[in-house]
Amino acid sequence: MSVLAELRRRAGLTTEELARRAGVSYHVVAAHQRRGYRYGWRGDNLFRVAKVLAEALGMEEGEVARLLMGEKPA
């Protein structure tokens, strides 16, 4: 299970609910859960997606980098 999928599950959200909260499509969340940062996003776009997903999960801003690299937050 990817870090994002685990965090989403811990938050009690479905993929659809997380996408809605983050303001992104279901497909963005699903792809990020399957392949994470390797999905092909680069630079600002990658950071933006990770940031909105982290915010939707109630994560601290400093935890965004961990989500980007697929590390579990503390």
PDB file of N, CA and C in Angstrom:
ATOM      1  N   MET A   1       0.849  -1.175   0.000  1.00  0.00           N
ATOM      2  CA  MET A   1       0.000   0.000   0.000  1.00  0.00           C
ATOM      3  C   MET A   1       0.896   1.241   0.000  1.00  0.00           C
ATOM      4  N   SER A   2       0.565   2.217  -0.835  1.00  0.00           N
ATOM      5  CA  SER A   2       1.367   3.436  -0.904  1.00  0.00           C
ATOM      6  C   SER A   2       1.165   4.273   0.359  1.00  0.00           C
ATOM      7  N   VAL A   3       2.071   5.192   0.573  1.00  0.00           N
ATOM      8  CA  VAL A   3       1.972   6.088   1.725  1.00  0.00           C
ATOM      9  C   VAL A   3       0.681   6.889   1.646  1.00  0.00           C
ATOM     10  N   LEU A   4       0.373   7.418   0.461  1.00  0.00           N
ATOM     11  CA  LEU A   4      -0.845   8.207   0.313  1.00  0.00           C
ATOM     12  C   LEU A   4      -2.083   7.359   0.604  1.00  0.00           C
ATOM     13  N   ALA A   5      -2.135   6.149   0.083  1.00  0.00           N
ATOM     14  CA  ALA A   5      -3.284   5.278   0.330  1.00  0.00           C
ATOM     15  C   ALA A   5      -3.420   4.963   1.818  1.00  0.00           C
ATOM     16  N   GLU A   6      -2.296   4.745   2.483  1.00  0.00           N
ATOM     17  CA  GLU A   6      -2.335   4.471   3.918  1.00  0.00           C
ATOM     18  C   GLU A   6      -2.842   5.682   4.698  1.00  0.00           C
ATOM     19  N   LEU A   7      -2.348   6.859   4.348  1.00  0.00           N
ATOM     20  CA  LEU A   7      -2.790   8.081   5.027  1.00  0.00           C
ATOM     21  C   LEU A   7      -4.272   8.345   4.768  1.00  0.00           C
ATOM     22  N   ARG A   8      -4.705   8.123   3.546  1.00  0.00           N
ATOM     23  CA  ARG A   8      -6.114   8.307   3.191  1.00  0.00           C
ATOM     24  C   ARG A   8      -6.988   7.357   4.000  1.00  0.00           C
ATOM     25  N   ARG A   9      -6.557   6.109   4.075  1.00  0.00           N
ATOM     26  CA  ARG A   9      -7.302   5.103   4.828  1.00  0.00           C
ATOM     27  C   ARG A   9      -7.368   5.473   6.308  1.00  0.00           C
ATOM     28  N   ARG A  10      -6.239   5.907   6.883  1.00  0.00           N
ATOM     29  CA  ARG A  10      -6.207   6.323   8.297  1.00  0.00           C
ATOM     30  C   ARG A  10      -7.149   7.482   8.570  1.00  0.00           C
ATOM     31  N   ALA A  11      -7.286   8.369   7.563  1.00  0.00           N
ATOM     32  CA  ALA A  11      -8.174   9.527   7.706  1.00  0.00           C
ATOM     33  C   ALA A  11      -9.638   9.138   7.522  1.00  0.00           C
ATOM     34  N   GLY A  12      -9.877   7.880   7.141  1.00  0.00           N
ATOM     35  CA  GLY A  12     -11.245   7.418   6.962  1.00  0.00           C
ATOM     36  C   GLY A  12     -11.897   7.936   5.694  1.00  0.00           C
ATOM     37  N   LEU A  13     -11.085   8.227   4.675  1.00  0.00           N
ATOM     38  CA  LEU A  13     -11.601   8.780   3.424  1.00  0.00           C
ATOM     39  C   LEU A  13     -11.508   7.769   2.297  1.00  0.00           C
ATOM     40  N   THR A  14     -12.441   7.870   1.371  1.00  0.00           N
ATOM     41  CA  THR A  14     -12.314   7.113   0.127  1.00  0.00           C
ATOM     42  C   THR A  14     -11.443   7.930  -0.821  1.00  0.00           C
ATOM     43  N   THR A  15     -11.037   7.310  -1.906  1.00  0.00           N
ATOM     44  CA  THR A  15     -10.260   8.027  -2.910  1.00  0.00           C
ATOM     45  C   THR A  15     -11.073   9.198  -3.449  1.00  0.00           C
ATOM     46  N   GLU A  16     -12.355   8.988  -3.682  1.00  0.00           N
ATOM     47  CA  GLU A  16     -13.234  10.043  -4.182  1.00  0.00           C
ATOM     48  C   GLU A  16     -13.336  11.205  -3.201  1.00  0.00           C
ATOM     49  N   GLU A  17     -13.476  10.880  -1.914  1.00  0.00           N
ATOM     50  CA  GLU A  17     -13.589  11.935  -0.898  1.00  0.00           C
ATOM     51  C   GLU A  17     -12.307  12.748  -0.803  1.00  0.00           C
ATOM     52  N   LEU A  18     -11.160  12.084  -0.850  1.00  0.00           N
ATOM     53  CA  LEU A  18      -9.887  12.803  -0.797  1.00  0.00           C
ATOM     54  C   LEU A  18      -9.738  13.704  -2.009  1.00  0.00           C
ATOM     55  N   ALA A  19     -10.086  13.201  -3.176  1.00  0.00           N
ATOM     56  CA  ALA A  19     -10.005  14.010  -4.391  1.00  0.00           C
ATOM     57  C   ALA A  19     -10.878  15.252  -4.276  1.00  0.00           C
ATOM     58  N   ARG A  20     -12.095  15.073  -3.796  1.00  0.00           N
ATOM     59  CA  ARG A  20     -13.015  16.204  -3.644  1.00  0.00           C
ATOM     60  C   ARG A  20     -12.452  17.224  -2.664  1.00  0.00           C
ATOM     61  N   ARG A  21     -11.953  16.759  -1.528  1.00  0.00           N
ATOM     62  CA  ARG A  21     -11.371  17.672  -0.525  1.00  0.00           C
ATOM     63  C   ARG A  21     -10.176  18.438  -1.067  1.00  0.00           C
ATOM     64  N   ALA A  22      -9.368  17.753  -1.881  1.00  0.00           N
ATOM     65  CA  ALA A  22      -8.147  18.363  -2.403  1.00  0.00           C
ATOM     66  C   ALA A  22      -8.399  19.209  -3.646  1.00  0.00           C
ATOM     67  N   GLY A  23      -9.572  19.067  -4.242  1.00  0.00           N
ATOM     68  CA  GLY A  23      -9.878  19.833  -5.440  1.00  0.00           C
ATOM     69  C   GLY A  23      -9.174  19.306  -6.681  1.00  0.00           C
ATOM     70  N   VAL A  24      -8.922  17.999  -6.698  1.00  0.00           N
ATOM     71  CA  VAL A  24      -8.298  17.358  -7.858  1.00  0.00           C
ATOM     72  C   VAL A  24      -9.197  16.211  -8.297  1.00  0.00           C
ATOM     73  N   SER A  25      -8.909  15.640  -9.446  1.00  0.00           N
ATOM     74  CA  SER A  25      -9.740  14.554  -9.944  1.00  0.00           C
ATOM     75  C   SER A  25      -9.422  13.242  -9.224  1.00  0.00           C
ATOM     76  N   TYR A  26     -10.390  12.347  -9.278  1.00  0.00           N
ATOM     77  CA  TYR A  26     -10.210  11.003  -8.751  1.00  0.00           C
ATOM     78  C   TYR A  26      -8.970  10.357  -9.367  1.00  0.00           C
ATOM     79  N   HIS A  27      -8.785  10.566 -10.673  1.00  0.00           N
ATOM     80  CA  HIS A  27      -7.672   9.941 -11.389  1.00  0.00           C
ATOM     81  C   HIS A  27      -6.313  10.424 -10.885  1.00  0.00           C
ATOM     82  N   VAL A  28      -6.231  11.683 -10.491  1.00  0.00           N
ATOM     83  CA  VAL A  28      -4.980  12.208  -9.935  1.00  0.00           C
ATOM     84  C   VAL A  28      -4.645  11.481  -8.638  1.00  0.00           C
ATOM     85  N   VAL A  29      -5.621  11.352  -7.757  1.00  0.00           N
ATOM     86  CA  VAL A  29      -5.382  10.675  -6.480  1.00  0.00           C
ATOM     87  C   VAL A  29      -5.057   9.199  -6.716  1.00  0.00           C
ATOM     88  N   ALA A  30      -5.830   8.550  -7.564  1.00  0.00           N
ATOM     89  CA  ALA A  30      -5.609   7.127  -7.823  1.00  0.00           C
ATOM     90  C   ALA A  30      -4.211   6.889  -8.403  1.00  0.00           C
ATOM     91  N   ALA A  31      -3.804   7.728  -9.343  1.00  0.00           N
ATOM     92  CA  ALA A  31      -2.473   7.573  -9.941  1.00  0.00           C
ATOM     93  C   ALA A  31      -1.383   7.828  -8.906  1.00  0.00           C
ATOM     94  N   HIS A  32      -1.583   8.832  -8.062  1.00  0.00           N
ATOM     95  CA  HIS A  32      -0.590   9.145  -7.038  1.00  0.00           C
ATOM     96  C   HIS A  32      -0.497   8.002  -6.027  1.00  0.00           C
ATOM     97  N   GLN A  33      -1.615   7.349  -5.741  1.00  0.00           N
ATOM     98  CA  GLN A  33      -1.600   6.202  -4.828  1.00  0.00           C
ATOM     99  C   GLN A  33      -0.866   5.019  -5.450  1.00  0.00           C
ATOM    100  N   ARG A  34      -1.019   4.834  -6.742  1.00  0.00           N
ATOM    101  CA  ARG A  34      -0.367   3.704  -7.411  1.00  0.00           C
ATOM    102  C   ARG A  34       1.116   3.946  -7.637  1.00  0.00           C
ATOM    103  N   ARG A  35       1.466   5.141  -8.081  1.00  0.00           N
ATOM    104  CA  ARG A  35       2.843   5.386  -8.514  1.00  0.00           C
ATOM    105  C   ARG A  35       3.542   6.516  -7.784  1.00  0.00           C
ATOM    106  N   GLY A  36       2.842   7.242  -6.949  1.00  0.00           N
ATOM    107  CA  GLY A  36       3.460   8.303  -6.174  1.00  0.00           C
ATOM    108  C   GLY A  36       4.135   9.362  -7.022  1.00  0.00           C
ATOM    109  N   TYR A  37       5.239   9.866  -6.549  1.00  0.00           N
ATOM    110  CA  TYR A  37       5.915  10.963  -7.241  1.00  0.00           C
ATOM    111  C   TYR A  37       6.478  10.521  -8.583  1.00  0.00           C
ATOM    112  N   ARG A  38       6.550   9.243  -8.837  1.00  0.00           N
ATOM    113  CA  ARG A  38       7.072   8.761 -10.117  1.00  0.00           C
ATOM    114  C   ARG A  38       6.048   8.887 -11.228  1.00  0.00           C
ATOM    115  N   TYR A  39       4.859   9.394 -10.905  1.00  0.00           N
ATOM    116  CA  TYR A  39       3.771   9.492 -11.880  1.00  0.00           C
ATOM    117  C   TYR A  39       4.161  10.309 -13.102  1.00  0.00           C
ATOM    118  N   GLY A  40       5.109  11.187 -12.972  1.00  0.00           N
ATOM    119  CA  GLY A  40       5.528  11.989 -14.114  1.00  0.00           C
ATOM    120  C   GLY A  40       5.427  13.482 -13.866  1.00  0.00           C
ATOM    121  N   TRP A  41       4.874  13.860 -12.709  1.00  0.00           N
ATOM    122  CA  TRP A  41       4.813  15.276 -12.397  1.00  0.00           C
ATOM    123  C   TRP A  41       6.197  15.750 -12.017  1.00  0.00           C
ATOM    124  N   ARG A  42       6.482  16.956 -12.372  1.00  0.00           N
ATOM    125  CA  ARG A  42       7.784  17.531 -12.052  1.00  0.00           C
ATOM    126  C   ARG A  42       7.605  18.938 -11.482  1.00  0.00           C
ATOM    127  N   GLY A  43       8.582  19.356 -10.737  1.00  0.00           N
ATOM    128  CA  GLY A  43       8.657  20.730 -10.255  1.00  0.00           C
ATOM    129  C   GLY A  43       7.425  21.213  -9.532  1.00  0.00           C
ATOM    130  N   ASP A  44       6.951  22.393  -9.935  1.00  0.00           N
ATOM    131  CA  ASP A  44       5.843  23.053  -9.254  1.00  0.00           C
ATOM    132  C   ASP A  44       4.561  22.224  -9.275  1.00  0.00           C
ATOM    133  N   ASN A  45       4.284  21.548 -10.387  1.00  0.00           N
ATOM    134  CA  ASN A  45       3.052  20.768 -10.466  1.00  0.00           C
ATOM    135  C   ASN A  45       3.069  19.613  -9.471  1.00  0.00           C
ATOM    136  N   LEU A  46       4.184  18.934  -9.354  1.00  0.00           N
ATOM    137  CA  LEU A  46       4.313  17.852  -8.388  1.00  0.00           C
ATOM    138  C   LEU A  46       4.115  18.391  -6.972  1.00  0.00           C
ATOM    139  N   PHE A  47       4.752  19.509  -6.672  1.00  0.00           N
ATOM    140  CA  PHE A  47       4.631  20.085  -5.336  1.00  0.00           C
ATOM    141  C   PHE A  47       3.195  20.519  -5.066  1.00  0.00           C
ATOM    142  N   ARG A  48       2.531  21.116  -6.063  1.00  0.00           N
ATOM    143  CA  ARG A  48       1.149  21.572  -5.886  1.00  0.00           C
ATOM    144  C   ARG A  48       0.226  20.399  -5.564  1.00  0.00           C
ATOM    145  N   VAL A  49       0.353  19.312  -6.322  1.00  0.00           N
ATOM    146  CA  VAL A  49      -0.499  18.141  -6.094  1.00  0.00           C
ATOM    147  C   VAL A  49      -0.240  17.565  -4.707  1.00  0.00           C
ATOM    148  N   ALA A  50       1.009  17.387  -4.347  1.00  0.00           N
ATOM    149  CA  ALA A  50       1.331  16.845  -3.027  1.00  0.00           C
ATOM    150  C   ALA A  50       0.834  17.768  -1.925  1.00  0.00           C
ATOM    151  N   LYS A  51       0.963  19.069  -2.145  1.00  0.00           N
ATOM    152  CA  LYS A  51       0.537  20.042  -1.136  1.00  0.00           C
ATOM    153  C   LYS A  51      -0.975  19.984  -0.903  1.00  0.00           C
ATOM    154  N   VAL A  52      -1.768  19.958  -1.974  1.00  0.00           N
ATOM    155  CA  VAL A  52      -3.222  19.932  -1.791  1.00  0.00           C
ATOM    156  C   VAL A  52      -3.676  18.604  -1.193  1.00  0.00           C
ATOM    157  N   LEU A  53      -3.008  17.510  -1.559  1.00  0.00           N
ATOM    158  CA  LEU A  53      -3.357  16.227  -0.957  1.00  0.00           C
ATOM    159  C   LEU A  53      -2.997  16.209   0.525  1.00  0.00           C
ATOM    160  N   ALA A  54      -1.828  16.734   0.865  1.00  0.00           N
ATOM    161  CA  ALA A  54      -1.409  16.790   2.266  1.00  0.00           C
ATOM    162  C   ALA A  54      -2.356  17.669   3.074  1.00  0.00           C
ATOM    163  N   GLU A  55      -2.739  18.810   2.527  1.00  0.00           N
ATOM    164  CA  GLU A  55      -3.672  19.702   3.222  1.00  0.00           C
ATOM    165  C   GLU A  55      -5.023  19.024   3.426  1.00  0.00           C
ATOM    166  N   ALA A  56      -5.494  18.316   2.398  1.00  0.00           N
ATOM    167  CA  ALA A  56      -6.781  17.623   2.504  1.00  0.00           C
ATOM    168  C   ALA A  56      -6.739  16.532   3.564  1.00  0.00           C
ATOM    169  N   LEU A  57      -5.554  15.997   3.831  1.00  0.00           N
ATOM    170  CA  LEU A  57      -5.388  14.975   4.856  1.00  0.00           C
ATOM    171  C   LEU A  57      -5.084  15.576   6.226  1.00  0.00           C
ATOM    172  N   GLY A  58      -4.995  16.910   6.301  1.00  0.00           N
ATOM    173  CA  GLY A  58      -4.721  17.572   7.568  1.00  0.00           C
ATOM    174  C   GLY A  58      -3.274  17.479   7.999  1.00  0.00           C
ATOM    175  N   MET A  59      -2.381  17.301   7.047  1.00  0.00           N
ATOM    176  CA  MET A  59      -0.956  17.191   7.357  1.00  0.00           C
ATOM    177  C   MET A  59      -0.342  18.577   7.511  1.00  0.00           C
ATOM    178  N   GLU A  60       0.718  18.658   8.279  1.00  0.00           N
ATOM    179  CA  GLU A  60       1.469  19.900   8.425  1.00  0.00           C
ATOM    180  C   GLU A  60       2.232  20.197   7.140  1.00  0.00           C
ATOM    181  N   GLU A  61       2.514  21.448   6.891  1.00  0.00           N
ATOM    182  CA  GLU A  61       3.209  21.840   5.665  1.00  0.00           C
ATOM    183  C   GLU A  61       4.560  21.141   5.527  1.00  0.00           C
ATOM    184  N   GLY A  62       5.264  20.952   6.630  1.00  0.00           N
ATOM    185  CA  GLY A  62       6.567  20.305   6.588  1.00  0.00           C
ATOM    186  C   GLY A  62       6.509  18.835   6.200  1.00  0.00           C
ATOM    187  N   GLU A  63       5.321  18.247   6.269  1.00  0.00           N
ATOM    188  CA  GLU A  63       5.176  16.840   5.924  1.00  0.00           C
ATOM    189  C   GLU A  63       5.013  16.615   4.421  1.00  0.00           C
ATOM    190  N   VAL A  64       4.824  17.683   3.660  1.00  0.00           N
ATOM    191  CA  VAL A  64       4.629  17.569   2.219  1.00  0.00           C
ATOM    192  C   VAL A  64       5.820  16.881   1.560  1.00  0.00           C
ATOM    193  N   ALA A  65       7.021  17.229   1.965  1.00  0.00           N
ATOM    194  CA  ALA A  65       8.220  16.634   1.363  1.00  0.00           C
ATOM    195  C   ALA A  65       8.244  15.127   1.599  1.00  0.00           C
ATOM    196  N   ARG A  66       7.809  14.704   2.760  1.00  0.00           N
ATOM    197  CA  ARG A  66       7.765  13.263   3.048  1.00  0.00           C
ATOM    198  C   ARG A  66       6.773  12.558   2.136  1.00  0.00           C
ATOM    199  N   LEU A  67       5.638  13.191   1.904  1.00  0.00           N
ATOM    200  CA  LEU A  67       4.643  12.612   1.011  1.00  0.00           C
ATOM    201  C   LEU A  67       5.204  12.532  -0.412  1.00  0.00           C
ATOM    202  N   LEU A  68       5.908  13.571  -0.823  1.00  0.00           N
ATOM    203  CA  LEU A  68       6.511  13.582  -2.156  1.00  0.00           C
ATOM    204  C   LEU A  68       7.479  12.415  -2.348  1.00  0.00           C
ATOM    205  N   MET A  69       8.224  12.111  -1.324  1.00  0.00           N
ATOM    206  CA  MET A  69       9.246  11.065  -1.444  1.00  0.00           C
ATOM    207  C   MET A  69       8.714   9.691  -1.027  1.00  0.00           C
ATOM    208  N   GLY A  70       7.452   9.627  -0.664  1.00  0.00           N
ATOM    209  CA  GLY A  70       6.878   8.340  -0.312  1.00  0.00           C
ATOM    210  C   GLY A  70       7.222   7.865   1.079  1.00  0.00           C
ATOM    211  N   GLU A  71       7.667   8.792   1.918  1.00  0.00           N
ATOM    212  CA  GLU A  71       8.007   8.430   3.292  1.00  0.00           C
ATOM    213  C   GLU A  71       6.797   8.600   4.175  1.00  0.00           C
ATOM    214  N   LYS A  72       6.712   7.799   5.206  1.00  0.00           N
ATOM    215  CA  LYS A  72       5.612   7.917   6.152  1.00  0.00           C
ATOM    216  C   LYS A  72       5.851   9.094   7.071  1.00  0.00           C
ATOM    217  N   PRO A  73       4.813   9.907   7.301  1.00  0.00           N
ATOM    218  CA  PRO A  73       4.960  11.021   8.246  1.00  0.00           C
ATOM    219  C   PRO A  73       5.136  10.512   9.671  1.00  0.00           C
ATOM    220  N   ALA A  74       5.733  11.334  10.487  1.00  0.00           N
ATOM    221  CA  ALA A  74       5.979  10.970  11.893  1.00  0.00           C
ATOM    222  C   ALA A  74       4.697  10.849  12.661  1.00  0.00           C
TER     223      ALA A  74
END
